[in-house]
């Protein structure tokens, strides 16, 4: 008891270095079955003014893991200096097209290891 099933709903948050690309990422993720994506404002970091938008992605664990695997393709379809920050249970990983595969291993581990 108290353990989540392998396909329990999980949330991860995505931010992009270029906010104009956020809507494209939202559409990219919405094209996948079983995923709910919403855009919400993020709280500014200490000492910063204003907010940025964040994509909150909700799906079962297995669907979310499959969606995460498509993120390098999204980055590679854009310009080479686009960076993405992925937050799972308060832990953050930043990926860009050069390190996407290695960073995704970390994200997959976070999805697997956090309740």
PDB file of N, CA and C in Angstrom:
ATOM      1  N   UNK A   1       0.831  -1.174   0.000  1.00  0.00           N
ATOM      2  CA  UNK A   1       0.000   0.000   0.000  1.00  0.00           C
ATOM      3  C   UNK A   1       0.880   1.242   0.000  1.00  0.00           C
ATOM      4  N   UNK A   2       0.323   2.363  -0.476  1.00  0.00           N
ATOM      5  CA  UNK A   2       1.070   3.603  -0.493  1.00  0.00           C
ATOM      6  C   UNK A   2       1.975   3.758  -1.694  1.00  0.00           C
ATOM      7  N   UNK A   3       2.161   2.688  -2.464  1.00  0.00           N
ATOM      8  CA  UNK A   3       2.988   2.785  -3.671  1.00  0.00           C
ATOM      9  C   UNK A   3       2.100   3.140  -4.849  1.00  0.00           C
ATOM     10  N   UNK A   4       2.612   4.003  -5.715  1.00  0.00           N
ATOM     11  CA  UNK A   4       1.849   4.363  -6.902  1.00  0.00           C
ATOM     12  C   UNK A   4       2.023   3.278  -7.947  1.00  0.00           C
ATOM     13  N   UNK A   5       1.013   3.097  -8.747  1.00  0.00           N
ATOM     14  CA  UNK A   5       1.141   2.134  -9.819  1.00  0.00           C
ATOM     15  C   UNK A   5       2.061   2.688 -10.889  1.00  0.00           C
ATOM     16  N   UNK A   6       2.542   1.806 -11.743  1.00  0.00           N
ATOM     17  CA  UNK A   6       3.487   2.222 -12.779  1.00  0.00           C
ATOM     18  C   UNK A   6       2.876   3.256 -13.712  1.00  0.00           C
ATOM     19  N   UNK A   7       1.554   3.277 -13.822  1.00  0.00           N
ATOM     20  CA  UNK A   7       0.937   4.217 -14.744  1.00  0.00           C
ATOM     21  C   UNK A   7       0.130   5.298 -14.023  1.00  0.00           C
ATOM     22  N   UNK A   8       0.512   5.604 -12.802  1.00  0.00           N
ATOM     23  CA  UNK A   8      -0.159   6.673 -12.064  1.00  0.00           C
ATOM     24  C   UNK A   8       0.097   8.010 -12.756  1.00  0.00           C
ATOM     25  N   UNK A   9      -0.870   8.918 -12.734  1.00  0.00           N
ATOM     26  CA  UNK A   9      -0.660  10.222 -13.370  1.00  0.00           C
ATOM     27  C   UNK A   9       0.506  10.973 -12.738  1.00  0.00           C
ATOM     28  N   UNK A  10       1.311  11.568 -13.580  1.00  0.00           N
ATOM     29  CA  UNK A  10       2.480  12.345 -13.157  1.00  0.00           C
ATOM     30  C   UNK A  10       2.442  13.676 -13.878  1.00  0.00           C
ATOM     31  N   UNK A  11       3.102  14.663 -13.290  1.00  0.00           N
ATOM     32  CA  UNK A  11       3.196  15.977 -13.906  1.00  0.00           C
ATOM     33  C   UNK A  11       4.658  16.344 -14.058  1.00  0.00           C
ATOM     34  N   UNK A  12       4.994  16.894 -15.201  1.00  0.00           N
ATOM     35  CA  UNK A  12       6.294  17.530 -15.350  1.00  0.00           C
ATOM     36  C   UNK A  12       6.070  18.892 -15.948  1.00  0.00           C
ATOM     37  N   UNK A  13       7.025  19.778 -15.701  1.00  0.00           N
ATOM     38  CA  UNK A  13       6.916  21.150 -16.197  1.00  0.00           C
ATOM     39  C   UNK A  13       8.044  21.409 -17.177  1.00  0.00           C
ATOM     40  N   UNK A  14       7.716  22.123 -18.242  1.00  0.00           N
ATOM     41  CA  UNK A  14       8.687  22.444 -19.285  1.00  0.00           C
ATOM     42  C   UNK A  14       8.735  23.946 -19.504  1.00  0.00           C
ATOM     43  N   UNK A  15       9.931  24.485 -19.580  1.00  0.00           N
ATOM     44  CA  UNK A  15      10.126  25.872 -19.986  1.00  0.00           C
ATOM     45  C   UNK A  15      11.160  25.881 -21.103  1.00  0.00           C
ATOM     46  N   UNK A  16      11.084  26.878 -21.949  1.00  0.00           N
ATOM     47  CA  UNK A  16      12.003  26.993 -23.082  1.00  0.00           C
ATOM     48  C   UNK A  16      12.765  28.304 -23.018  1.00  0.00           C
ATOM     49  N   UNK A  17      13.990  28.285 -23.531  1.00  0.00           N
ATOM     50  CA  UNK A  17      14.796  29.507 -23.563  1.00  0.00           C
ATOM     51  C   UNK A  17      14.194  30.547 -24.503  1.00  0.00           C
ATOM     52  N   UNK A  18      13.415  30.105 -25.486  1.00  0.00           N
ATOM     53  CA  UNK A  18      12.712  31.011 -26.400  1.00  0.00           C
ATOM     54  C   UNK A  18      11.211  30.842 -26.168  1.00  0.00           C
ATOM     55  N   UNK A  19      10.588  31.751 -25.421  1.00  0.00           N
ATOM     56  CA  UNK A  19       9.167  31.607 -25.106  1.00  0.00           C
ATOM     57  C   UNK A  19       8.270  31.495 -26.335  1.00  0.00           C
ATOM     58  N   UNK A  20       8.694  32.027 -27.471  1.00  0.00           N
ATOM     59  CA  UNK A  20       7.878  31.945 -28.694  1.00  0.00           C
ATOM     60  C   UNK A  20       7.718  30.504 -29.169  1.00  0.00           C
ATOM     61  N   UNK A  21       8.612  29.614 -28.760  1.00  0.00           N
ATOM     62  CA  UNK A  21       8.541  28.205 -29.165  1.00  0.00           C
ATOM     63  C   UNK A  21       7.619  27.379 -28.273  1.00  0.00           C
ATOM     64  N   UNK A  22       7.134  27.976 -27.172  1.00  0.00           N
ATOM     65  CA  UNK A  22       6.315  27.248 -26.212  1.00  0.00           C
ATOM     66  C   UNK A  22       5.037  26.704 -26.841  1.00  0.00           C
ATOM     67  N   UNK A  23       4.419  27.495 -27.710  1.00  0.00           N
ATOM     68  CA  UNK A  23       3.156  27.062 -28.324  1.00  0.00           C
ATOM     69  C   UNK A  23       3.390  25.895 -29.281  1.00  0.00           C
ATOM     70  N   UNK A  24       4.522  25.899 -29.970  1.00  0.00           N
ATOM     71  CA  UNK A  24       4.864  24.775 -30.831  1.00  0.00           C
ATOM     72  C   UNK A  24       5.081  23.504 -30.024  1.00  0.00           C
ATOM     73  N   UNK A  25       5.731  23.636 -28.875  1.00  0.00           N
ATOM     74  CA  UNK A  25       5.942  22.476 -28.003  1.00  0.00           C
ATOM     75  C   UNK A  25       4.612  21.984 -27.445  1.00  0.00           C
ATOM     76  N   UNK A  26       3.748  22.914 -27.089  1.00  0.00           N
ATOM     77  CA  UNK A  26       2.418  22.514 -26.603  1.00  0.00           C
ATOM     78  C   UNK A  26       1.690  21.686 -27.658  1.00  0.00           C
ATOM     79  N   UNK A  27       1.686  22.167 -28.891  1.00  0.00           N
ATOM     80  CA  UNK A  27       1.018  21.428 -29.967  1.00  0.00           C
ATOM     81  C   UNK A  27       1.688  20.089 -30.218  1.00  0.00           C
ATOM     82  N   UNK A  28       3.023  20.057 -30.149  1.00  0.00           N
ATOM     83  CA  UNK A  28       3.801  18.822 -30.335  1.00  0.00           C
ATOM     84  C   UNK A  28       3.349  17.762 -29.322  1.00  0.00           C
ATOM     85  N   UNK A  29       3.236  18.170 -28.071  1.00  0.00           N
ATOM     86  CA  UNK A  29       2.863  17.227 -27.015  1.00  0.00           C
ATOM     87  C   UNK A  29       1.389  16.846 -27.082  1.00  0.00           C
ATOM     88  N   UNK A  30       0.536  17.790 -27.434  1.00  0.00           N
ATOM     89  CA  UNK A  30      -0.898  17.490 -27.530  1.00  0.00           C
ATOM     90  C   UNK A  30      -1.205  16.490 -28.636  1.00  0.00           C
ATOM     91  N   UNK A  31      -0.324  16.354 -29.599  1.00  0.00           N
ATOM     92  CA  UNK A  31      -0.541  15.408 -30.693  1.00  0.00           C
ATOM     93  C   UNK A  31      -0.396  13.957 -30.218  1.00  0.00           C
ATOM     94  N   UNK A  32       0.115  13.761 -29.017  1.00  0.00           N
ATOM     95  CA  UNK A  32       0.300  12.417 -28.481  1.00  0.00           C
ATOM     96  C   UNK A  32      -0.904  12.031 -27.620  1.00  0.00           C
ATOM     97  N   UNK A  33      -1.337  10.797 -27.756  1.00  0.00           N
ATOM     98  CA  UNK A  33      -2.497  10.315 -27.004  1.00  0.00           C
ATOM     99  C   UNK A  33      -2.198  10.221 -25.518  1.00  0.00           C
ATOM    100  N   UNK A  34      -3.194  10.550 -24.709  1.00  0.00           N
ATOM    101  CA  UNK A  34      -3.100  10.352 -23.276  1.00  0.00           C
ATOM    102  C   UNK A  34      -2.397  11.447 -22.507  1.00  0.00           C
ATOM    103  N   UNK A  35      -2.116  12.587 -23.166  1.00  0.00           N
ATOM    104  CA  UNK A  35      -1.397  13.672 -22.513  1.00  0.00           C
ATOM    105  C   UNK A  35      -2.287  14.895 -22.394  1.00  0.00           C
ATOM    106  N   UNK A  36      -2.271  15.494 -21.228  1.00  0.00           N
ATOM    107  CA  UNK A  36      -2.950  16.765 -21.010  1.00  0.00           C
ATOM    108  C   UNK A  36      -1.869  17.829 -20.837  1.00  0.00           C
ATOM    109  N   UNK A  37      -1.975  18.914 -21.597  1.00  0.00           N
ATOM    110  CA  UNK A  37      -0.979  19.987 -21.543  1.00  0.00           C
ATOM    111  C   UNK A  37      -1.705  21.300 -21.313  1.00  0.00           C
ATOM    112  N   UNK A  38      -1.207  22.053 -20.342  1.00  0.00           N
ATOM    113  CA  UNK A  38      -1.761  23.391 -20.152  1.00  0.00           C
ATOM    114  C   UNK A  38      -0.619  24.377 -19.937  1.00  0.00           C
ATOM    115  N   UNK A  39      -0.864  25.601 -20.353  1.00  0.00           N
ATOM    116  CA  UNK A  39       0.116  26.672 -20.192  1.00  0.00           C
ATOM    117  C   UNK A  39      -0.285  27.467 -18.964  1.00  0.00           C
ATOM    118  N   UNK A  40       0.692  27.717 -18.102  1.00  0.00           N
ATOM    119  CA  UNK A  40       0.415  28.529 -16.918  1.00  0.00           C
ATOM    120  C   UNK A  40       1.613  29.437 -16.657  1.00  0.00           C
ATOM    121  N   UNK A  41       1.384  30.569 -16.006  1.00  0.00           N
ATOM    122  CA  UNK A  41       2.511  31.458 -15.690  1.00  0.00           C
ATOM    123  C   UNK A  41       3.361  30.855 -14.577  1.00  0.00           C
ATOM    124  N   UNK A  42       4.654  31.018 -14.698  1.00  0.00           N
ATOM    125  CA  UNK A  42       5.583  30.574 -13.667  1.00  0.00           C
ATOM    126  C   UNK A  42       5.880  31.734 -12.737  1.00  0.00           C
ATOM    127  N   UNK A  43       6.138  31.441 -11.511  1.00  0.00           N
ATOM    128  CA  UNK A  43       6.526  32.488 -10.556  1.00  0.00           C
ATOM    129  C   UNK A  43       7.931  32.966 -10.910  1.00  0.00           C
ATOM    130  N   UNK A  44       8.181  34.255 -10.798  1.00  0.00           N
ATOM    131  CA  UNK A  44       9.530  34.749 -11.092  1.00  0.00           C
ATOM    132  C   UNK A  44      10.534  34.239 -10.060  1.00  0.00           C
ATOM    133  N   UNK A  45      11.755  34.032 -10.500  1.00  0.00           N
ATOM    134  CA  UNK A  45      12.828  33.640  -9.588  1.00  0.00           C
ATOM    135  C   UNK A  45      13.144  34.810  -8.676  1.00  0.00           C
ATOM    136  N   UNK A  46      13.747  34.547  -7.512  1.00  0.00           N
ATOM    137  CA  UNK A  46      14.104  35.651  -6.617  1.00  0.00           C
ATOM    138  C   UNK A  46      14.953  36.694  -7.342  1.00  0.00           C
ATOM    139  N   UNK A  47      14.569  37.960  -7.205  1.00  0.00           N
ATOM    140  CA  UNK A  47      15.305  39.044  -7.842  1.00  0.00           C
ATOM    141  C   UNK A  47      14.896  39.322  -9.269  1.00  0.00           C
ATOM    142  N   UNK A  48      13.963  38.540  -9.827  1.00  0.00           N
ATOM    143  CA  UNK A  48      13.506  38.757 -11.203  1.00  0.00           C
ATOM    144  C   UNK A  48      12.134  39.403 -11.196  1.00  0.00           C
ATOM    145  N   UNK A  49      11.864  40.167 -12.238  1.00  0.00           N
ATOM    146  CA  UNK A  49      10.548  40.764 -12.417  1.00  0.00           C
ATOM    147  C   UNK A  49       9.808  40.007 -13.504  1.00  0.00           C
ATOM    148  N   UNK A  50       8.506  39.980 -13.412  1.00  0.00           N
ATOM    149  CA  UNK A  50       7.706  39.350 -14.451  1.00  0.00           C
ATOM    150  C   UNK A  50       7.701  37.832 -14.338  1.00  0.00           C
ATOM    151  N   UNK A  51       7.001  37.222 -15.269  1.00  0.00           N
ATOM    152  CA  UNK A  51       6.902  35.763 -15.267  1.00  0.00           C
ATOM    153  C   UNK A  51       7.104  35.237 -16.673  1.00  0.00           C
ATOM    154  N   UNK A  52       7.379  33.969 -16.739  1.00  0.00           N
ATOM    155  CA  UNK A  52       7.444  33.267 -18.015  1.00  0.00           C
ATOM    156  C   UNK A  52       6.326  32.232 -17.999  1.00  0.00           C
ATOM    157  N   UNK A  53       6.000  31.694 -19.150  1.00  0.00           N
ATOM    158  CA  UNK A  53       5.000  30.644 -19.195  1.00  0.00           C
ATOM    159  C   UNK A  53       5.680  29.290 -19.071  1.00  0.00           C
ATOM    160  N   UNK A  54       4.961  28.370 -18.460  1.00  0.00           N
ATOM    161  CA  UNK A  54       5.422  27.004 -18.245  1.00  0.00           C
ATOM    162  C   UNK A  54       4.378  26.074 -18.828  1.00  0.00           C
ATOM    163  N   UNK A  55       4.821  24.984 -19.437  1.00  0.00           N
ATOM    164  CA  UNK A  55       3.893  23.938 -19.850  1.00  0.00           C
ATOM    165  C   UNK A  55       3.814  22.921 -18.725  1.00  0.00           C
ATOM    166  N   UNK A  56       2.625  22.691 -18.227  1.00  0.00           N
ATOM    167  CA  UNK A  56       2.400  21.633 -17.243  1.00  0.00           C
ATOM    168  C   UNK A  56       1.844  20.444 -18.022  1.00  0.00           C
ATOM    169  N   UNK A  57       2.560  19.334 -17.990  1.00  0.00           N
ATOM    170  CA  UNK A  57       2.209  18.148 -18.765  1.00  0.00           C
ATOM    171  C   UNK A  57       1.788  17.059 -17.793  1.00  0.00           C
ATOM    172  N   UNK A  58       0.588  16.532 -17.969  1.00  0.00           N
ATOM    173  CA  UNK A  58       0.047  15.504 -17.096  1.00  0.00           C
ATOM    174  C   UNK A  58      -0.274  14.275 -17.933  1.00  0.00           C
ATOM    175  N   UNK A  59       0.206  13.139 -17.465  1.00  0.00           N
ATOM    176  CA  UNK A  59      -0.069  11.876 -18.149  1.00  0.00           C
ATOM    177  C   UNK A  59       0.298  10.740 -17.216  1.00  0.00           C
ATOM    178  N   UNK A  60      -0.132   9.550 -17.576  1.00  0.00           N
ATOM    179  CA  UNK A  60       0.321   8.374 -16.866  1.00  0.00           C
ATOM    180  C   UNK A  60       1.824   8.230 -17.048  1.00  0.00           C
ATOM    181  N   UNK A  61       2.471   7.572 -16.118  1.00  0.00           N
ATOM    182  CA  UNK A  61       3.931   7.465 -16.134  1.00  0.00           C
ATOM    183  C   UNK A  61       4.476   6.916 -17.445  1.00  0.00           C
ATOM    184  N   UNK A  62       3.874   5.860 -17.966  1.00  0.00           N
ATOM    185  CA  UNK A  62       4.408   5.258 -19.199  1.00  0.00           C
ATOM    186  C   UNK A  62       4.209   6.188 -20.395  1.00  0.00           C
ATOM    187  N   UNK A  63       3.078   6.874 -20.467  1.00  0.00           N
ATOM    188  CA  UNK A  63       2.828   7.823 -21.558  1.00  0.00           C
ATOM    189  C   UNK A  63       3.773   9.013 -21.442  1.00  0.00           C
ATOM    190  N   UNK A  64       3.968   9.488 -20.220  1.00  0.00           N
ATOM    191  CA  UNK A  64       4.865  10.612 -19.996  1.00  0.00           C
ATOM    192  C   UNK A  64       6.300  10.245 -20.389  1.00  0.00           C
ATOM    193  N   UNK A  65       6.735   9.057 -20.026  1.00  0.00           N
ATOM    194  CA  UNK A  65       8.079   8.614 -20.398  1.00  0.00           C
ATOM    195  C   UNK A  65       8.227   8.543 -21.913  1.00  0.00           C
ATOM    196  N   UNK A  66       7.199   8.068 -22.609  1.00  0.00           N
ATOM    197  CA  UNK A  66       7.244   8.014 -24.076  1.00  0.00           C
ATOM    198  C   UNK A  66       7.287   9.419 -24.670  1.00  0.00           C
ATOM    199  N   UNK A  67       6.531  10.352 -24.081  1.00  0.00           N
ATOM    200  CA  UNK A  67       6.521  11.733 -24.577  1.00  0.00           C
ATOM    201  C   UNK A  67       7.882  12.381 -24.378  1.00  0.00           C
ATOM    202  N   UNK A  68       8.510  12.133 -23.246  1.00  0.00           N
ATOM    203  CA  UNK A  68       9.826  12.705 -22.950  1.00  0.00           C
ATOM    204  C   UNK A  68      10.835  12.265 -24.013  1.00  0.00           C
ATOM    205  N   UNK A  69      10.707  11.044 -24.479  1.00  0.00           N
ATOM    206  CA  UNK A  69      11.645  10.530 -25.488  1.00  0.00           C
ATOM    207  C   UNK A  69      11.539  11.275 -26.812  1.00  0.00           C
ATOM    208  N   UNK A  70      10.429  11.979 -27.048  1.00  0.00           N
ATOM    209  CA  UNK A  70      10.274  12.722 -28.302  1.00  0.00           C
ATOM    210  C   UNK A  70      10.843  14.134 -28.219  1.00  0.00           C
ATOM    211  N   UNK A  71      11.196  14.596 -27.020  1.00  0.00           N
ATOM    212  CA  UNK A  71      11.646  15.972 -26.862  1.00  0.00           C
ATOM    213  C   UNK A  71      12.922  16.308 -27.639  1.00  0.00           C
ATOM    214  N   UNK A  72      13.901  15.395 -27.745  1.00  0.00           N
ATOM    215  CA  UNK A  72      15.061  15.733 -28.591  1.00  0.00           C
ATOM    216  C   UNK A  72      14.666  16.007 -30.040  1.00  0.00           C
ATOM    217  N   UNK A  73      13.674  15.280 -30.548  1.00  0.00           N
ATOM    218  CA  UNK A  73      13.216  15.529 -31.919  1.00  0.00           C
ATOM    219  C   UNK A  73      12.635  16.930 -32.046  1.00  0.00           C
ATOM    220  N   UNK A  74      11.889  17.363 -31.027  1.00  0.00           N
ATOM    221  CA  UNK A  74      11.356  18.724 -31.048  1.00  0.00           C
ATOM    222  C   UNK A  74      12.501  19.728 -31.074  1.00  0.00           C
ATOM    223  N   UNK A  75      13.475  19.564 -30.188  1.00  0.00           N
ATOM    224  CA  UNK A  75      14.609  20.499 -30.136  1.00  0.00           C
ATOM    225  C   UNK A  75      15.365  20.527 -31.453  1.00  0.00           C
ATOM    226  N   UNK A  76      15.595  19.359 -32.015  1.00  0.00           N
ATOM    227  CA  UNK A  76      16.368  19.289 -33.261  1.00  0.00           C
ATOM    228  C   UNK A  76      15.607  19.870 -34.445  1.00  0.00           C
ATOM    229  N   UNK A  77      14.270  19.915 -34.335  1.00  0.00           N
ATOM    230  CA  UNK A  77      13.475  20.491 -35.426  1.00  0.00           C
ATOM    231  C   UNK A  77      13.446  22.016 -35.353  1.00  0.00           C
ATOM    232  N   UNK A  78      13.971  22.554 -34.280  1.00  0.00           N
ATOM    233  CA  UNK A  78      14.032  24.003 -34.104  1.00  0.00           C
ATOM    234  C   UNK A  78      15.457  24.467 -34.334  1.00  0.00           C
ATOM    235  N   UNK A  79      15.782  25.631 -33.828  1.00  0.00           N
ATOM    236  CA  UNK A  79      17.138  26.128 -34.007  1.00  0.00           C
ATOM    237  C   UNK A  79      18.073  25.525 -32.950  1.00  0.00           C
ATOM    238  N   UNK A  80      19.343  25.494 -33.256  1.00  0.00           N
ATOM    239  CA  UNK A  80      20.292  24.749 -32.444  1.00  0.00           C
ATOM    240  C   UNK A  80      20.535  25.319 -31.053  1.00  0.00           C
ATOM    241  N   UNK A  81      20.212  26.569 -30.808  1.00  0.00           N
ATOM    242  CA  UNK A  81      20.503  27.127 -29.482  1.00  0.00           C
ATOM    243  C   UNK A  81      19.292  27.116 -28.547  1.00  0.00           C
ATOM    244  N   UNK A  82      18.243  26.419 -28.904  1.00  0.00           N
ATOM    245  CA  UNK A  82      17.070  26.325 -28.046  1.00  0.00           C
ATOM    246  C   UNK A  82      17.372  25.372 -26.889  1.00  0.00           C
ATOM    247  N   UNK A  83      17.050  25.824 -25.673  1.00  0.00           N
ATOM    248  CA  UNK A  83      17.235  25.008 -24.483  1.00  0.00           C
ATOM    249  C   UNK A  83      15.878  24.782 -23.820  1.00  0.00           C
ATOM    250  N   UNK A  84      15.753  23.639 -23.166  1.00  0.00           N
ATOM    251  CA  UNK A  84      14.518  23.276 -22.495  1.00  0.00           C
ATOM    252  C   UNK A  84      14.851  22.873 -21.062  1.00  0.00           C
ATOM    253  N   UNK A  85      14.079  23.389 -20.132  1.00  0.00           N
ATOM    254  CA  UNK A  85      14.246  22.987 -18.742  1.00  0.00           C
ATOM    255  C   UNK A  85      13.074  22.099 -18.375  1.00  0.00           C
ATOM    256  N   UNK A  86      13.367  20.922 -17.835  1.00  0.00           N
ATOM    257  CA  UNK A  86      12.349  19.957 -17.447  1.00  0.00           C
ATOM    258  C   UNK A  86      12.399  19.828 -15.925  1.00  0.00           C
ATOM    259  N   UNK A  87      11.243  19.970 -15.280  1.00  0.00           N
ATOM    260  CA  UNK A  87      11.168  19.845 -13.832  1.00  0.00           C
ATOM    261  C   UNK A  87      10.245  18.688 -13.484  1.00  0.00           C
ATOM    262  N   UNK A  88      10.768  17.761 -12.689  1.00  0.00           N
ATOM    263  CA  UNK A  88      10.013  16.616 -12.200  1.00  0.00           C
ATOM    264  C   UNK A  88      10.157  16.597 -10.682  1.00  0.00           C
ATOM    265  N   UNK A  89       9.030  16.719  -9.971  1.00  0.00           N
ATOM    266  CA  UNK A  89       9.060  16.664  -8.510  1.00  0.00           C
ATOM    267  C   UNK A  89      10.099  17.621  -7.921  1.00  0.00           C
ATOM    268  N   UNK A  90      10.211  18.832  -8.468  1.00  0.00           N
ATOM    269  CA  UNK A  90      11.124  19.835  -7.953  1.00  0.00           C
ATOM    270  C   UNK A  90      12.569  19.696  -8.413  1.00  0.00           C
ATOM    271  N   UNK A  91      12.889  18.630  -9.133  1.00  0.00           N
ATOM    272  CA  UNK A  91      14.243  18.433  -9.649  1.00  0.00           C
ATOM    273  C   UNK A  91      14.275  18.868 -11.104  1.00  0.00           C
ATOM    274  N   UNK A  92      15.315  19.659 -11.459  1.00  0.00           N
ATOM    275  CA  UNK A  92      15.379  20.237 -12.799  1.00  0.00           C
ATOM    276  C   UNK A  92      16.542  19.681 -13.609  1.00  0.00           C
ATOM    277  N   UNK A  93      16.281  19.508 -14.897  1.00  0.00           N
ATOM    278  CA  UNK A  93      17.294  19.093 -15.860  1.00  0.00           C
ATOM    279  C   UNK A  93      17.154  20.010 -17.060  1.00  0.00           C
ATOM    280  N   UNK A  94      18.256  20.550 -17.550  1.00  0.00           N
ATOM    281  CA  UNK A  94      18.211  21.384 -18.746  1.00  0.00           C
ATOM    282  C   UNK A  94      18.770  20.582 -19.914  1.00  0.00           C
ATOM    283  N   UNK A  95      18.040  20.604 -21.027  1.00  0.00           N
ATOM    284  CA  UNK A  95      18.520  19.895 -22.209  1.00  0.00           C
ATOM    285  C   UNK A  95      18.616  20.858 -23.383  1.00  0.00           C
ATOM    286  N   UNK A  96      19.507  20.543 -24.272  1.00  0.00           N
ATOM    287  CA  UNK A  96      19.618  21.206 -25.563  1.00  0.00           C
ATOM    288  C   UNK A  96      20.013  20.133 -26.554  1.00  0.00           C
ATOM    289  N   UNK A  97      20.031  20.470 -27.813  1.00  0.00           N
ATOM    290  CA  UNK A  97      20.184  19.410 -28.795  1.00  0.00           C
ATOM    291  C   UNK A  97      21.506  18.671 -28.656  1.00  0.00           C
ATOM    292  N   UNK A  98      22.551  19.307 -28.157  1.00  0.00           N
ATOM    293  CA  UNK A  98      23.839  18.622 -28.018  1.00  0.00           C
ATOM    294  C   UNK A  98      23.826  17.563 -26.924  1.00  0.00           C
ATOM    295  N   UNK A  99      23.082  17.786 -25.831  1.00  0.00           N
ATOM    296  CA  UNK A  99      23.104  16.848 -24.716  1.00  0.00           C
ATOM    297  C   UNK A  99      21.758  16.159 -24.503  1.00  0.00           C
ATOM    298  N   UNK A 100      20.882  16.231 -25.467  1.00  0.00           N
ATOM    299  CA  UNK A 100      19.504  15.782 -25.277  1.00  0.00           C
ATOM    300  C   UNK A 100      19.412  14.324 -24.852  1.00  0.00           C
ATOM    301  N   UNK A 101      20.155  13.445 -25.494  1.00  0.00           N
ATOM    302  CA  UNK A 101      20.018  12.026 -25.168  1.00  0.00           C
ATOM    303  C   UNK A 101      20.484  11.739 -23.742  1.00  0.00           C
ATOM    304  N   UNK A 102      21.594  12.308 -23.337  1.00  0.00           N
ATOM    305  CA  UNK A 102      22.103  12.099 -21.976  1.00  0.00           C
ATOM    306  C   UNK A 102      21.151  12.713 -20.947  1.00  0.00           C
ATOM    307  N   UNK A 103      20.676  13.916 -21.206  1.00  0.00           N
ATOM    308  CA  UNK A 103      19.769  14.569 -20.267  1.00  0.00           C
ATOM    309  C   UNK A 103      18.466  13.789 -20.126  1.00  0.00           C
ATOM    310  N   UNK A 104      17.989  13.197 -21.213  1.00  0.00           N
ATOM    311  CA  UNK A 104      16.744  12.442 -21.136  1.00  0.00           C
ATOM    312  C   UNK A 104      16.894  11.195 -20.290  1.00  0.00           C
ATOM    313  N   UNK A 105      18.087  10.605 -20.262  1.00  0.00           N
ATOM    314  CA  UNK A 105      18.326   9.477 -19.362  1.00  0.00           C
ATOM    315  C   UNK A 105      18.091   9.907 -17.915  1.00  0.00           C
ATOM    316  N   UNK A 106      18.528  11.110 -17.580  1.00  0.00           N
ATOM    317  CA  UNK A 106      18.344  11.636 -16.225  1.00  0.00           C
ATOM    318  C   UNK A 106      16.861  11.856 -15.943  1.00  0.00           C
ATOM    319  N   UNK A 107      16.140  12.445 -16.907  1.00  0.00           N
ATOM    320  CA  UNK A 107      14.706  12.687 -16.726  1.00  0.00           C
ATOM    321  C   UNK A 107      13.959  11.365 -16.563  1.00  0.00           C
ATOM    322  N   UNK A 108      14.286  10.384 -17.380  1.00  0.00           N
ATOM    323  CA  UNK A 108      13.632   9.078 -17.264  1.00  0.00           C
ATOM    324  C   UNK A 108      13.889   8.458 -15.895  1.00  0.00           C
ATOM    325  N   UNK A 109      15.100   8.623 -15.384  1.00  0.00           N
ATOM    326  CA  UNK A 109      15.432   8.109 -14.053  1.00  0.00           C
ATOM    327  C   UNK A 109      14.605   8.843 -12.996  1.00  0.00           C
ATOM    328  N   UNK A 110      14.464  10.158 -13.139  1.00  0.00           N
ATOM    329  CA  UNK A 110      13.646  10.929 -12.191  1.00  0.00           C
ATOM    330  C   UNK A 110      12.192  10.452 -12.205  1.00  0.00           C
ATOM    331  N   UNK A 111      11.665  10.203 -13.390  1.00  0.00           N
ATOM    332  CA  UNK A 111      10.285   9.712 -13.496  1.00  0.00           C
ATOM    333  C   UNK A 111      10.134   8.347 -12.839  1.00  0.00           C
ATOM    334  N   UNK A 112      11.144   7.531 -12.971  1.00  0.00           N
ATOM    335  CA  UNK A 112      11.112   6.184 -12.429  1.00  0.00           C
ATOM    336  C   UNK A 112      11.313   6.183 -10.908  1.00  0.00           C
ATOM    337  N   UNK A 113      12.195   7.070 -10.411  1.00  0.00           N
ATOM    338  CA  UNK A 113      12.613   7.009  -9.009  1.00  0.00           C
ATOM    339  C   UNK A 113      11.818   7.888  -8.057  1.00  0.00           C
ATOM    340  N   UNK A 114      11.051   8.856  -8.569  1.00  0.00           N
ATOM    341  CA  UNK A 114      10.306   9.721  -7.665  1.00  0.00           C
ATOM    342  C   UNK A 114       8.858   9.239  -7.565  1.00  0.00           C
ATOM    343  N   UNK A 115       8.325   9.283  -6.353  1.00  0.00           N
ATOM    344  CA  UNK A 115       6.946   8.799  -6.160  1.00  0.00           C
ATOM    345  C   UNK A 115       5.922   9.704  -6.779  1.00  0.00           C
TER     346      UNK A 115
END
